[in-house]
Amino acid sequence: MVKKHLSQPVPRTRSHTVESRMSIAHHPIHPMLVVYPIALLSLVFPVDLVFLWIGDGFWAQLAYWLNAVGLAMGLVAGAIGTFDMFSIRVVRHHVSAWNHFIVAVMVLAMAALGVWLRAPGAEAAVWPWGLLQSAAMLLLVMVAGWLGGTLSFRHGIGVYGDEESHELGKDEPPAE
């Protein structure tokens, strides 16, 4: 038996989902962009450790640029995530969304601190303040990522959306 068309497999039961307002062809933009600041900012701490171990200034410069580009990408992803949060009523009323928002703002503040510390001299900034900043930022990135993942995978916020609620024009989860 040959299928005439390919389609996405659909599980028998699906949780309610809240579709992102900032999307391209129903693909939410915030989750697409947020992987870049997560990756870039998560690497600053290990790169600082490599600099301290090897002593080559290349690694201190790399940590600076990872921090700077991570901050820039984080600001873009954060602006889009903030728009989604404030434009969807059910998300504004969700405590997990506010927790994610607050921790993400703290990540961006730590990234800005890192750029400020490292801009005058990347090598001199690493020990001790740059290392403390990058360690704290890594911890905050992990917490923000955990909370963001929980919003998407557990609460169904900022994902494709299910056809049933999309057709009805709802942005509220069903009563439990």
C-alpha atoms as a PDB file:
ATOM      1  CA  MET A   1       0.000   0.000   0.000  1.00  0.00           C
ATOM      2  CA  VAL A   2       1.503   3.323  -1.103  1.00  0.00           C
ATOM      3  CA  LYS A   3       0.555   6.626   0.524  1.00  0.00           C
ATOM      4  CA  LYS A   4      -0.450   9.318  -1.912  1.00  0.00           C
ATOM      5  CA  HIS A   5       0.867  12.127   0.285  1.00  0.00           C
ATOM      6  CA  LEU A   6       3.141  12.603   3.230  1.00  0.00           C
ATOM      7  CA  SER A   7       1.776  14.051   6.414  1.00  0.00           C
ATOM      8  CA  GLN A   8       3.060  14.724   9.876  1.00  0.00           C
ATOM      9  CA  PRO A   9       2.247  11.941  12.359  1.00  0.00           C
ATOM     10  CA  VAL A  10      -0.258  13.103  14.973  1.00  0.00           C
ATOM     11  CA  PRO A  11      -0.470  11.452  18.386  1.00  0.00           C
ATOM     12  CA  ARG A  12      -3.865  10.215  19.563  1.00  0.00           C
ATOM     13  CA  THR A  13      -3.913  12.753  22.394  1.00  0.00           C
ATOM     14  CA  ARG A  14      -2.464  16.232  22.228  1.00  0.00           C
ATOM     15  CA  SER A  15      -2.220  18.904  24.858  1.00  0.00           C
ATOM     16  CA  HIS A  16      -3.750  22.282  24.155  1.00  0.00           C
ATOM     17  CA  THR A  17      -1.315  24.663  22.516  1.00  0.00           C
ATOM     18  CA  VAL A  18      -1.062  28.433  22.251  1.00  0.00           C
ATOM     19  CA  GLU A  19       0.245  29.534  18.877  1.00  0.00           C
ATOM     20  CA  SER A  20       2.904  32.221  18.633  1.00  0.00           C
ATOM     21  CA  ARG A  21       1.859  35.574  17.113  1.00  0.00           C
ATOM     22  CA  MET A  22       5.374  36.155  15.759  1.00  0.00           C
ATOM     23  CA  SER A  23       5.748  33.314  13.285  1.00  0.00           C
ATOM     24  CA  ILE A  24       6.656  32.526   9.706  1.00  0.00           C
ATOM     25  CA  ALA A  25       4.231  30.035   8.135  1.00  0.00           C
ATOM     26  CA  HIS A  26       3.149  28.983  11.659  1.00  0.00           C
ATOM     27  CA  HIS A  27       6.792  28.413  12.703  1.00  0.00           C
ATOM     28  CA  PRO A  28       7.389  30.471  15.889  1.00  0.00           C
ATOM     29  CA  ILE A  29      10.325  32.870  15.494  1.00  0.00           C
ATOM     30  CA  HIS A  30      11.394  33.146  19.154  1.00  0.00           C
ATOM     31  CA  PRO A  31      12.300  29.450  19.532  1.00  0.00           C
ATOM     32  CA  MET A  32      14.124  29.592  16.181  1.00  0.00           C
ATOM     33  CA  LEU A  33      16.278  32.550  17.254  1.00  0.00           C
ATOM     34  CA  VAL A  34      16.839  31.799  20.937  1.00  0.00           C
ATOM     35  CA  VAL A  35      19.147  28.875  20.171  1.00  0.00           C
ATOM     36  CA  TYR A  36      21.869  31.322  19.066  1.00  0.00           C
ATOM     37  CA  PRO A  37      22.202  33.358  22.273  1.00  0.00           C
ATOM     38  CA  ILE A  38      21.874  30.150  24.292  1.00  0.00           C
ATOM     39  CA  ALA A  39      24.760  28.560  22.418  1.00  0.00           C
ATOM     40  CA  LEU A  40      26.941  31.674  22.294  1.00  0.00           C
ATOM     41  CA  LEU A  41      26.462  32.744  25.910  1.00  0.00           C
ATOM     42  CA  SER A  42      26.846  29.182  27.206  1.00  0.00           C
ATOM     43  CA  LEU A  43      30.292  28.960  25.632  1.00  0.00           C
ATOM     44  CA  VAL A  44      31.732  32.057  27.339  1.00  0.00           C
ATOM     45  CA  PHE A  45      32.481  30.257  30.633  1.00  0.00           C
ATOM     46  CA  PRO A  46      34.262  27.234  29.071  1.00  0.00           C
ATOM     47  CA  VAL A  47      36.243  29.562  26.793  1.00  0.00           C
ATOM     48  CA  ASP A  48      37.261  31.639  29.839  1.00  0.00           C
ATOM     49  CA  LEU A  49      38.506  28.426  31.467  1.00  0.00           C
ATOM     50  CA  VAL A  50      40.485  27.539  28.342  1.00  0.00           C
ATOM     51  CA  PHE A  51      42.065  31.005  28.391  1.00  0.00           C
ATOM     52  CA  LEU A  52      43.057  30.602  32.053  1.00  0.00           C
ATOM     53  CA  TRP A  53      44.496  27.155  31.356  1.00  0.00           C
ATOM     54  CA  ILE A  54      46.381  27.936  28.108  1.00  0.00           C
ATOM     55  CA  GLY A  55      47.026  31.662  28.512  1.00  0.00           C
ATOM     56  CA  ASP A  56      46.616  32.460  24.798  1.00  0.00           C
ATOM     57  CA  GLY A  57      44.883  35.835  24.262  1.00  0.00           C
ATOM     58  CA  PHE A  58      42.889  34.360  21.367  1.00  0.00           C
ATOM     59  CA  TRP A  59      40.609  32.644  23.888  1.00  0.00           C
ATOM     60  CA  ALA A  60      39.947  35.846  25.824  1.00  0.00           C
ATOM     61  CA  GLN A  61      39.058  37.630  22.573  1.00  0.00           C
ATOM     62  CA  LEU A  62      36.818  34.722  21.584  1.00  0.00           C
ATOM     63  CA  ALA A  63      35.010  34.953  24.938  1.00  0.00           C
ATOM     64  CA  TYR A  64      34.463  38.684  24.330  1.00  0.00           C
ATOM     65  CA  TRP A  65      32.981  38.099  20.867  1.00  0.00           C
ATOM     66  CA  LEU A  66      30.837  35.175  22.025  1.00  0.00           C
ATOM     67  CA  ASN A  67      29.507  37.460  24.760  1.00  0.00           C
ATOM     68  CA  ALA A  68      28.914  40.426  22.420  1.00  0.00           C
ATOM     69  CA  VAL A  69      27.229  38.495  19.612  1.00  0.00           C
ATOM     70  CA  GLY A  70      25.236  36.462  22.156  1.00  0.00           C
ATOM     71  CA  LEU A  71      23.984  39.706  23.690  1.00  0.00           C
ATOM     72  CA  ALA A  72      22.982  41.096  20.276  1.00  0.00           C
ATOM     73  CA  MET A  73      21.143  37.907  19.275  1.00  0.00           C
ATOM     74  CA  GLY A  74      19.587  37.715  22.742  1.00  0.00           C
ATOM     75  CA  LEU A  75      18.183  41.212  22.368  1.00  0.00           C
ATOM     76  CA  VAL A  76      16.572  40.273  19.035  1.00  0.00           C
ATOM     77  CA  ALA A  77      15.172  36.973  20.361  1.00  0.00           C
ATOM     78  CA  GLY A  78      14.068  38.715  23.559  1.00  0.00           C
ATOM     79  CA  ALA A  79      12.211  41.453  21.689  1.00  0.00           C
ATOM     80  CA  ILE A  80      10.288  38.850  19.698  1.00  0.00           C
ATOM     81  CA  GLY A  81       9.588  36.766  22.811  1.00  0.00           C
ATOM     82  CA  THR A  82       8.429  39.868  24.668  1.00  0.00           C
ATOM     83  CA  PHE A  83       6.052  40.749  21.839  1.00  0.00           C
ATOM     84  CA  ASP A  84       4.597  37.228  21.971  1.00  0.00           C
ATOM     85  CA  MET A  85       4.255  37.380  25.727  1.00  0.00           C
ATOM     86  CA  PHE A  86       2.428  40.698  25.811  1.00  0.00           C
ATOM     87  CA  SER A  87       0.260  40.049  22.737  1.00  0.00           C
ATOM     88  CA  ILE A  88      -1.240  36.741  23.928  1.00  0.00           C
ATOM     89  CA  ARG A  89      -3.510  37.091  26.960  1.00  0.00           C
ATOM     90  CA  VAL A  90      -3.118  33.538  28.249  1.00  0.00           C
ATOM     91  CA  VAL A  91       0.673  33.890  28.192  1.00  0.00           C
ATOM     92  CA  ARG A  92       0.573  37.198  30.105  1.00  0.00           C
ATOM     93  CA  HIS A  93      -1.364  35.429  32.849  1.00  0.00           C
ATOM     94  CA  HIS A  94       0.989  32.452  33.018  1.00  0.00           C
ATOM     95  CA  VAL A  95       3.408  32.518  35.986  1.00  0.00           C
ATOM     96  CA  SER A  96       5.964  30.384  34.112  1.00  0.00           C
ATOM     97  CA  ALA A  97       6.069  32.958  31.310  1.00  0.00           C
ATOM     98  CA  TRP A  98       6.890  35.718  33.793  1.00  0.00           C
ATOM     99  CA  ASN A  99       9.573  33.553  35.430  1.00  0.00           C
ATOM    100  CA  HIS A 100      11.145  32.896  32.024  1.00  0.00           C
ATOM    101  CA  PHE A 101      10.914  36.589  31.129  1.00  0.00           C
ATOM    102  CA  ILE A 102      12.601  37.744  34.355  1.00  0.00           C
ATOM    103  CA  VAL A 103      15.433  35.205  34.149  1.00  0.00           C
ATOM    104  CA  ALA A 104      15.963  35.997  30.441  1.00  0.00           C
ATOM    105  CA  VAL A 105      16.270  39.712  31.281  1.00  0.00           C
ATOM    106  CA  MET A 106      18.837  38.742  33.948  1.00  0.00           C
ATOM    107  CA  VAL A 107      20.772  36.782  31.287  1.00  0.00           C
ATOM    108  CA  LEU A 108      20.837  39.834  29.024  1.00  0.00           C
ATOM    109  CA  ALA A 109      21.962  42.019  31.933  1.00  0.00           C
ATOM    110  CA  MET A 110      24.811  39.593  32.681  1.00  0.00           C
ATOM    111  CA  ALA A 111      25.754  39.531  28.990  1.00  0.00           C
ATOM    112  CA  ALA A 112      25.815  43.343  28.932  1.00  0.00           C
ATOM    113  CA  LEU A 113      28.002  43.282  32.053  1.00  0.00           C
ATOM    114  CA  GLY A 114      30.337  40.866  30.284  1.00  0.00           C
ATOM    115  CA  VAL A 115      30.674  43.129  27.259  1.00  0.00           C
ATOM    116  CA  TRP A 116      31.291  46.120  29.534  1.00  0.00           C
ATOM    117  CA  LEU A 117      33.946  44.220  31.521  1.00  0.00           C
ATOM    118  CA  ARG A 118      35.735  42.787  28.481  1.00  0.00           C
ATOM    119  CA  ALA A 119      35.637  45.730  26.044  1.00  0.00           C
ATOM    120  CA  PRO A 120      38.611  47.659  27.501  1.00  0.00           C
ATOM    121  CA  GLY A 121      40.831  44.571  27.610  1.00  0.00           C
ATOM    122  CA  ALA A 122      39.565  41.040  27.116  1.00  0.00           C
ATOM    123  CA  GLU A 123      42.581  39.303  28.690  1.00  0.00           C
ATOM    124  CA  ALA A 124      42.681  41.437  31.828  1.00  0.00           C
ATOM    125  CA  ALA A 125      38.925  41.082  32.350  1.00  0.00           C
ATOM    126  CA  VAL A 126      38.817  37.298  32.611  1.00  0.00           C
ATOM    127  CA  TRP A 127      40.311  36.882  36.089  1.00  0.00           C
ATOM    128  CA  PRO A 128      38.396  37.105  38.410  1.00  0.00           C
ATOM    129  CA  TRP A 129      35.375  39.196  37.387  1.00  0.00           C
ATOM    130  CA  GLY A 130      34.951  37.895  33.840  1.00  0.00           C
ATOM    131  CA  LEU A 131      35.038  34.311  35.065  1.00  0.00           C
ATOM    132  CA  LEU A 132      32.467  35.042  37.790  1.00  0.00           C
ATOM    133  CA  GLN A 133      30.263  36.859  35.287  1.00  0.00           C
ATOM    134  CA  SER A 134      30.432  34.045  32.738  1.00  0.00           C
ATOM    135  CA  ALA A 135      29.749  31.378  35.398  1.00  0.00           C
ATOM    136  CA  ALA A 136      26.702  33.264  36.698  1.00  0.00           C
ATOM    137  CA  MET A 137      25.533  33.864  33.129  1.00  0.00           C
ATOM    138  CA  LEU A 138      25.862  30.159  32.287  1.00  0.00           C
ATOM    139  CA  LEU A 139      23.735  29.265  35.303  1.00  0.00           C
ATOM    140  CA  LEU A 140      21.098  31.839  34.315  1.00  0.00           C
ATOM    141  CA  VAL A 141      21.108  30.631  30.687  1.00  0.00           C
ATOM    142  CA  MET A 142      20.413  27.099  31.910  1.00  0.00           C
ATOM    143  CA  VAL A 143      17.543  28.285  34.128  1.00  0.00           C
ATOM    144  CA  ALA A 144      16.046  30.455  31.357  1.00  0.00           C
ATOM    145  CA  GLY A 145      16.351  27.585  28.877  1.00  0.00           C
ATOM    146  CA  TRP A 146      14.712  25.190  31.307  1.00  0.00           C
ATOM    147  CA  LEU A 147      11.827  27.583  31.905  1.00  0.00           C
ATOM    148  CA  GLY A 148      11.439  28.285  28.173  1.00  0.00           C
ATOM    149  CA  GLY A 149      11.437  24.577  27.397  1.00  0.00           C
ATOM    150  CA  THR A 150       8.809  24.036  30.071  1.00  0.00           C
ATOM    151  CA  LEU A 151       6.630  26.713  28.476  1.00  0.00           C
ATOM    152  CA  SER A 152       6.868  25.028  25.077  1.00  0.00           C
ATOM    153  CA  PHE A 153       6.883  21.341  25.899  1.00  0.00           C
ATOM    154  CA  ARG A 154       4.781  21.185  29.059  1.00  0.00           C
ATOM    155  CA  HIS A 155       2.390  24.091  28.619  1.00  0.00           C
ATOM    156  CA  GLY A 156       2.304  24.227  24.800  1.00  0.00           C
ATOM    157  CA  ILE A 157       3.034  27.954  24.633  1.00  0.00           C
ATOM    158  CA  GLY A 158       4.602  29.437  21.515  1.00  0.00           C
ATOM    159  CA  VAL A 159       4.281  26.361  19.347  1.00  0.00           C
ATOM    160  CA  TYR A 160       2.350  25.449  16.216  1.00  0.00           C
ATOM    161  CA  GLY A 161      -1.072  25.467  17.831  1.00  0.00           C
ATOM    162  CA  ASP A 162      -3.721  22.827  17.359  1.00  0.00           C
ATOM    163  CA  GLU A 163      -6.226  23.115  14.557  1.00  0.00           C
ATOM    164  CA  GLU A 164      -9.214  22.923  16.906  1.00  0.00           C
ATOM    165  CA  SER A 165      -8.340  26.027  18.926  1.00  0.00           C
ATOM    166  CA  HIS A 166      -6.980  27.792  15.833  1.00  0.00           C
ATOM    167  CA  GLU A 167     -10.280  27.320  14.004  1.00  0.00           C
ATOM    168  CA  LEU A 168     -12.252  28.592  16.997  1.00  0.00           C
ATOM    169  CA  GLY A 169      -9.963  31.614  17.395  1.00  0.00           C
ATOM    170  CA  LYS A 170      -9.170  30.756  21.019  1.00  0.00           C
ATOM    171  CA  ASP A 171      -6.007  31.549  22.868  1.00  0.00           C
ATOM    172  CA  GLU A 172      -7.195  30.010  26.140  1.00  0.00           C
ATOM    173  CA  PRO A 173      -6.368  26.493  27.271  1.00  0.00           C
ATOM    174  CA  PRO A 174      -9.361  24.277  27.897  1.00  0.00           C
ATOM    175  CA  ALA A 175     -10.629  23.988  31.465  1.00  0.00           C
ATOM    176  CA  GLU A 176      -8.934  21.176  33.344  1.00  0.00           C
END
